Amino acid sequence: MKKTLITLLLIAATAPAVWAQDRIYRCGNEYTNNAQQARERGCKLVEGGNVTVVQGTRPAGAAAPASGGGGTAAPSSASPPSAPRVNNNDQKARDSDARAILESELRKAEARHADLVKEYNGGNPERNALDLRNPQRYMERTAELKANVARSESDIAGIKREISRLPAN
């Protein structure tokens, strides 16, 4: 009985040393347990619980280095060499569909913009019952309408830019 008790106490005393983790240092977004490297890089000691770092995987596109040959560079939106080719008629149909969708969105955005401009009324929107009771609410509503008008102008400009990037019919 005495031998078993002594054996259990020895095991219990050495168990934390086995489970103990070396000191961990944080160097920006990286962690290391190499004290010399941590000193050289000016890393900070992580205090508290254990640190578990799971190494992530890189996306397939990021792993391939960019080729730096002479001559003209391909645009960044160029498709990879393994992408299937689309014949001219199909591409023209896609471009035509894209133009029709964008023009439809432009008409909707312009209609929304016209409604907002009418409601904004040059900075003096029509007051309703709640605005008469609470002048602060009226000022907030006016500022919100002004921001919405600016946002709709920006949306319209963005849609027009997208349409201009499409090839001519």
C-alpha atoms as a PDB file:
ATOM      1  CA  MET A   1       0.000   0.000   0.000  1.00  0.00           C
ATOM      2  CA  LYS A   2       2.820   2.388   0.913  1.00  0.00           C
ATOM      3  CA  LYS A   3       4.682   1.669  -2.369  1.00  0.00           C
ATOM      4  CA  THR A   4       1.536   2.358  -4.404  1.00  0.00           C
ATOM      5  CA  LEU A   5       0.962   5.646  -2.615  1.00  0.00           C
ATOM      6  CA  ILE A   6       4.575   6.775  -3.197  1.00  0.00           C
ATOM      7  CA  THR A   7       4.366   5.745  -6.860  1.00  0.00           C
ATOM      8  CA  LEU A   8       1.137   7.701  -7.335  1.00  0.00           C
ATOM      9  CA  LEU A   9       2.638  10.778  -5.668  1.00  0.00           C
ATOM     10  CA  LEU A  10       5.712  10.626  -7.929  1.00  0.00           C
ATOM     11  CA  ILE A  11       3.533  10.312 -11.024  1.00  0.00           C
ATOM     12  CA  ALA A  12       1.325  13.187  -9.874  1.00  0.00           C
ATOM     13  CA  ALA A  13       4.382  15.374  -9.198  1.00  0.00           C
ATOM     14  CA  THR A  14       5.931  14.781 -12.623  1.00  0.00           C
ATOM     15  CA  ALA A  15       2.703  15.005 -14.659  1.00  0.00           C
ATOM     16  CA  PRO A  16       2.550  18.836 -14.774  1.00  0.00           C
ATOM     17  CA  ALA A  17       6.127  18.967 -16.046  1.00  0.00           C
ATOM     18  CA  VAL A  18       5.173  16.650 -18.899  1.00  0.00           C
ATOM     19  CA  TRP A  19       2.116  18.727 -19.772  1.00  0.00           C
ATOM     20  CA  ALA A  20       3.843  22.075 -19.307  1.00  0.00           C
ATOM     21  CA  GLN A  21       4.332  24.108 -22.418  1.00  0.00           C
ATOM     22  CA  ASP A  22       7.489  26.077 -23.191  1.00  0.00           C
ATOM     23  CA  ARG A  23       7.271  29.833 -22.997  1.00  0.00           C
ATOM     24  CA  ILE A  24       5.452  31.252 -25.996  1.00  0.00           C
ATOM     25  CA  TYR A  25       6.330  34.588 -27.584  1.00  0.00           C
ATOM     26  CA  ARG A  26       4.133  36.656 -29.874  1.00  0.00           C
ATOM     27  CA  CYS A  27       5.801  38.423 -32.777  1.00  0.00           C
ATOM     28  CA  GLY A  28       3.009  40.377 -34.481  1.00  0.00           C
ATOM     29  CA  ASN A  29       0.729  37.695 -35.922  1.00  0.00           C
ATOM     30  CA  GLU A  30       3.255  34.912 -35.445  1.00  0.00           C
ATOM     31  CA  TYR A  31       4.048  32.836 -32.371  1.00  0.00           C
ATOM     32  CA  THR A  32       7.296  31.127 -31.441  1.00  0.00           C
ATOM     33  CA  ASN A  33       8.766  29.204 -28.529  1.00  0.00           C
ATOM     34  CA  ASN A  34      12.356  29.963 -29.558  1.00  0.00           C
ATOM     35  CA  ALA A  35      13.613  32.420 -26.904  1.00  0.00           C
ATOM     36  CA  GLN A  36      16.662  33.533 -28.910  1.00  0.00           C
ATOM     37  CA  GLN A  37      14.598  34.268 -32.002  1.00  0.00           C
ATOM     38  CA  ALA A  38      12.031  36.091 -29.858  1.00  0.00           C
ATOM     39  CA  ARG A  39      14.750  38.320 -28.341  1.00  0.00           C
ATOM     40  CA  GLU A  40      16.169  39.161 -31.768  1.00  0.00           C
ATOM     41  CA  ARG A  41      12.765  40.114 -33.152  1.00  0.00           C
ATOM     42  CA  GLY A  42      11.571  41.942 -30.019  1.00  0.00           C
ATOM     43  CA  CYS A  43       8.652  39.590 -29.375  1.00  0.00           C
ATOM     44  CA  LYS A  44       6.485  39.705 -26.263  1.00  0.00           C
ATOM     45  CA  LEU A  45       5.959  36.828 -23.851  1.00  0.00           C
ATOM     46  CA  VAL A  46       2.406  35.469 -23.897  1.00  0.00           C
ATOM     47  CA  GLU A  47       1.164  35.077 -20.344  1.00  0.00           C
ATOM     48  CA  GLY A  48      -1.772  32.956 -19.295  1.00  0.00           C
ATOM     49  CA  GLY A  49      -3.168  29.812 -20.885  1.00  0.00           C
ATOM     50  CA  ASN A  50      -1.686  27.613 -23.542  1.00  0.00           C
ATOM     51  CA  VAL A  51      -1.571  28.810 -27.125  1.00  0.00           C
ATOM     52  CA  THR A  52      -2.746  26.581 -29.922  1.00  0.00           C
ATOM     53  CA  VAL A  53      -1.742  27.659 -33.416  1.00  0.00           C
ATOM     54  CA  VAL A  54      -3.292  25.928 -36.394  1.00  0.00           C
ATOM     55  CA  GLN A  55      -1.428  26.434 -39.641  1.00  0.00           C
ATOM     56  CA  GLY A  56      -3.843  27.537 -42.374  1.00  0.00           C
ATOM     57  CA  THR A  57      -3.718  26.638 -46.021  1.00  0.00           C
ATOM     58  CA  ARG A  58      -3.130  29.129 -48.778  1.00  0.00           C
ATOM     59  CA  PRO A  59      -5.656  29.540 -51.590  1.00  0.00           C
ATOM     60  CA  ALA A  60      -4.594  27.923 -54.852  1.00  0.00           C
ATOM     61  CA  GLY A  61      -4.418  31.285 -56.658  1.00  0.00           C
ATOM     62  CA  ALA A  62      -2.077  32.828 -54.074  1.00  0.00           C
ATOM     63  CA  ALA A  63       0.407  29.958 -54.227  1.00  0.00           C
ATOM     64  CA  ALA A  64       1.288  30.523 -57.882  1.00  0.00           C
ATOM     65  CA  PRO A  65       3.885  33.277 -58.310  1.00  0.00           C
ATOM     66  CA  ALA A  66       3.189  35.968 -60.873  1.00  0.00           C
ATOM     67  CA  SER A  67       5.218  35.602 -64.040  1.00  0.00           C
ATOM     68  CA  GLY A  68       7.371  38.620 -64.657  1.00  0.00           C
ATOM     69  CA  GLY A  69       8.295  38.441 -68.300  1.00  0.00           C
ATOM     70  CA  GLY A  70       8.969  41.296 -70.660  1.00  0.00           C
ATOM     71  CA  GLY A  71       6.304  42.659 -72.960  1.00  0.00           C
ATOM     72  CA  THR A  72       2.731  43.596 -72.232  1.00  0.00           C
ATOM     73  CA  ALA A  73       1.172  42.389 -69.035  1.00  0.00           C
ATOM     74  CA  ALA A  74      -2.204  40.676 -69.066  1.00  0.00           C
ATOM     75  CA  PRO A  75      -4.988  42.382 -67.152  1.00  0.00           C
ATOM     76  CA  SER A  76      -5.522  41.199 -63.595  1.00  0.00           C
ATOM     77  CA  SER A  77      -8.995  39.936 -64.510  1.00  0.00           C
ATOM     78  CA  ALA A  78      -7.605  37.632 -67.201  1.00  0.00           C
ATOM     79  CA  SER A  79      -8.846  34.093 -66.910  1.00  0.00           C
ATOM     80  CA  PRO A  80      -6.402  31.288 -66.176  1.00  0.00           C
ATOM     81  CA  PRO A  81      -5.130  29.204 -69.087  1.00  0.00           C
ATOM     82  CA  SER A  82      -7.214  26.219 -67.957  1.00  0.00           C
ATOM     83  CA  ALA A  83     -10.494  28.170 -68.179  1.00  0.00           C
ATOM     84  CA  PRO A  84     -12.858  27.040 -70.936  1.00  0.00           C
ATOM     85  CA  ARG A  85     -12.985  29.278 -73.982  1.00  0.00           C
ATOM     86  CA  VAL A  86     -16.259  30.950 -74.968  1.00  0.00           C
ATOM     87  CA  ASN A  87     -17.011  31.536 -78.632  1.00  0.00           C
ATOM     88  CA  ASN A  88     -17.649  35.070 -79.900  1.00  0.00           C
ATOM     89  CA  ASN A  89     -21.424  34.726 -80.288  1.00  0.00           C
ATOM     90  CA  ASP A  90     -21.859  33.464 -76.735  1.00  0.00           C
ATOM     91  CA  GLN A  91     -19.699  36.277 -75.369  1.00  0.00           C
ATOM     92  CA  LYS A  92     -21.681  38.881 -77.322  1.00  0.00           C
ATOM     93  CA  ALA A  93     -24.906  37.434 -75.918  1.00  0.00           C
ATOM     94  CA  ARG A  94     -23.495  37.603 -72.389  1.00  0.00           C
ATOM     95  CA  ASP A  95     -22.361  41.186 -72.897  1.00  0.00           C
ATOM     96  CA  SER A  96     -25.779  42.089 -74.288  1.00  0.00           C
ATOM     97  CA  ASP A  97     -27.519  40.495 -71.291  1.00  0.00           C
ATOM     98  CA  ALA A  98     -25.194  42.305 -68.902  1.00  0.00           C
ATOM     99  CA  ARG A  99     -25.881  45.624 -70.644  1.00  0.00           C
ATOM    100  CA  ALA A 100     -29.656  45.059 -70.477  1.00  0.00           C
ATOM    101  CA  ILE A 101     -29.480  44.219 -66.753  1.00  0.00           C
ATOM    102  CA  LEU A 102     -27.311  47.243 -65.991  1.00  0.00           C
ATOM    103  CA  GLU A 103     -29.556  49.567 -68.004  1.00  0.00           C
ATOM    104  CA  SER A 104     -32.577  48.246 -66.119  1.00  0.00           C
ATOM    105  CA  GLU A 105     -30.787  48.846 -62.803  1.00  0.00           C
ATOM    106  CA  LEU A 106     -29.837  52.332 -63.991  1.00  0.00           C
ATOM    107  CA  ARG A 107     -33.497  53.174 -64.745  1.00  0.00           C
ATOM    108  CA  LYS A 108     -34.545  51.924 -61.288  1.00  0.00           C
ATOM    109  CA  ALA A 109     -31.736  53.872 -59.590  1.00  0.00           C
ATOM    110  CA  GLU A 110     -32.633  57.056 -61.484  1.00  0.00           C
ATOM    111  CA  ALA A 111     -36.315  56.668 -60.492  1.00  0.00           C
ATOM    112  CA  ARG A 112     -35.328  56.187 -56.823  1.00  0.00           C
ATOM    113  CA  HIS A 113     -33.026  59.197 -57.095  1.00  0.00           C
ATOM    114  CA  ALA A 114     -35.806  61.366 -58.537  1.00  0.00           C
ATOM    115  CA  ASP A 115     -38.108  60.350 -55.645  1.00  0.00           C
ATOM    116  CA  LEU A 116     -35.411  61.138 -53.094  1.00  0.00           C
ATOM    117  CA  VAL A 117     -34.633  64.532 -54.654  1.00  0.00           C
ATOM    118  CA  LYS A 118     -38.349  65.356 -54.671  1.00  0.00           C
ATOM    119  CA  GLU A 119     -38.701  64.331 -51.011  1.00  0.00           C
ATOM    120  CA  TYR A 120     -35.492  66.174 -50.018  1.00  0.00           C
ATOM    121  CA  ASN A 121     -36.904  69.332 -51.648  1.00  0.00           C
ATOM    122  CA  GLY A 122     -33.597  71.209 -51.755  1.00  0.00           C
ATOM    123  CA  GLY A 123     -32.925  70.700 -48.047  1.00  0.00           C
ATOM    124  CA  ASN A 124     -36.443  71.568 -46.862  1.00  0.00           C
ATOM    125  CA  PRO A 125     -38.446  68.343 -46.799  1.00  0.00           C
ATOM    126  CA  GLU A 126     -42.112  68.572 -45.977  1.00  0.00           C
ATOM    127  CA  ARG A 127     -42.752  68.373 -42.237  1.00  0.00           C
ATOM    128  CA  ASN A 128     -45.015  65.682 -40.875  1.00  0.00           C
ATOM    129  CA  ALA A 129     -46.787  65.475 -37.490  1.00  0.00           C
ATOM    130  CA  LEU A 130     -43.802  63.815 -35.774  1.00  0.00           C
ATOM    131  CA  ASP A 131     -41.427  66.471 -37.109  1.00  0.00           C
ATOM    132  CA  LEU A 132     -43.625  69.268 -35.744  1.00  0.00           C
ATOM    133  CA  ARG A 133     -43.469  67.756 -32.248  1.00  0.00           C
ATOM    134  CA  ASN A 134     -39.762  66.974 -32.403  1.00  0.00           C
ATOM    135  CA  PRO A 135     -37.580  69.452 -34.342  1.00  0.00           C
ATOM    136  CA  GLN A 136     -34.460  67.307 -33.738  1.00  0.00           C
ATOM    137  CA  ARG A 137     -36.119  64.420 -35.596  1.00  0.00           C
ATOM    138  CA  TYR A 138     -36.761  66.752 -38.551  1.00  0.00           C
ATOM    139  CA  MET A 139     -33.071  67.696 -38.695  1.00  0.00           C
ATOM    140  CA  GLU A 140     -32.042  64.023 -38.503  1.00  0.00           C
ATOM    141  CA  ARG A 141     -34.503  63.092 -41.251  1.00  0.00           C
ATOM    142  CA  THR A 142     -33.211  65.925 -43.433  1.00  0.00           C
ATOM    143  CA  ALA A 143     -29.591  64.783 -42.931  1.00  0.00           C
ATOM    144  CA  GLU A 144     -30.585  61.180 -43.700  1.00  0.00           C
ATOM    145  CA  LEU A 145     -32.364  62.276 -46.894  1.00  0.00           C
ATOM    146  CA  LYS A 146     -29.303  64.271 -47.944  1.00  0.00           C
ATOM    147  CA  ALA A 147     -27.085  61.221 -47.388  1.00  0.00           C
ATOM    148  CA  ASN A 148     -29.517  59.032 -49.338  1.00  0.00           C
ATOM    149  CA  VAL A 149     -29.508  61.488 -52.263  1.00  0.00           C
ATOM    150  CA  ALA A 150     -25.681  61.478 -52.295  1.00  0.00           C
ATOM    151  CA  ARG A 151     -25.635  57.666 -52.108  1.00  0.00           C
ATOM    152  CA  SER A 152     -28.089  57.336 -54.978  1.00  0.00           C
ATOM    153  CA  GLU A 153     -25.973  59.727 -57.089  1.00  0.00           C
ATOM    154  CA  SER A 154     -22.959  57.542 -56.333  1.00  0.00           C
ATOM    155  CA  ASP A 155     -24.915  54.401 -57.274  1.00  0.00           C
ATOM    156  CA  ILE A 156     -25.957  55.928 -60.583  1.00  0.00           C
ATOM    157  CA  ALA A 157     -22.366  56.963 -61.347  1.00  0.00           C
ATOM    158  CA  GLY A 158     -21.170  53.416 -60.538  1.00  0.00           C
ATOM    159  CA  ILE A 159     -23.746  51.794 -62.813  1.00  0.00           C
ATOM    160  CA  LYS A 160     -22.830  54.195 -65.626  1.00  0.00           C
ATOM    161  CA  ARG A 161     -19.151  53.291 -65.134  1.00  0.00           C
ATOM    162  CA  GLU A 162     -19.988  49.591 -65.403  1.00  0.00           C
ATOM    163  CA  ILE A 163     -21.989  50.184 -68.584  1.00  0.00           C
ATOM    164  CA  SER A 164     -19.093  52.141 -70.099  1.00  0.00           C
ATOM    165  CA  ARG A 165     -16.741  49.201 -69.429  1.00  0.00           C
ATOM    166  CA  LEU A 166     -18.867  46.858 -71.522  1.00  0.00           C
ATOM    167  CA  PRO A 167     -17.911  46.494 -75.176  1.00  0.00           C
ATOM    168  CA  ALA A 168     -20.090  48.388 -77.658  1.00  0.00           C
ATOM    169  CA  ASN A 169     -22.818  46.352 -79.356  1.00  0.00           C
END
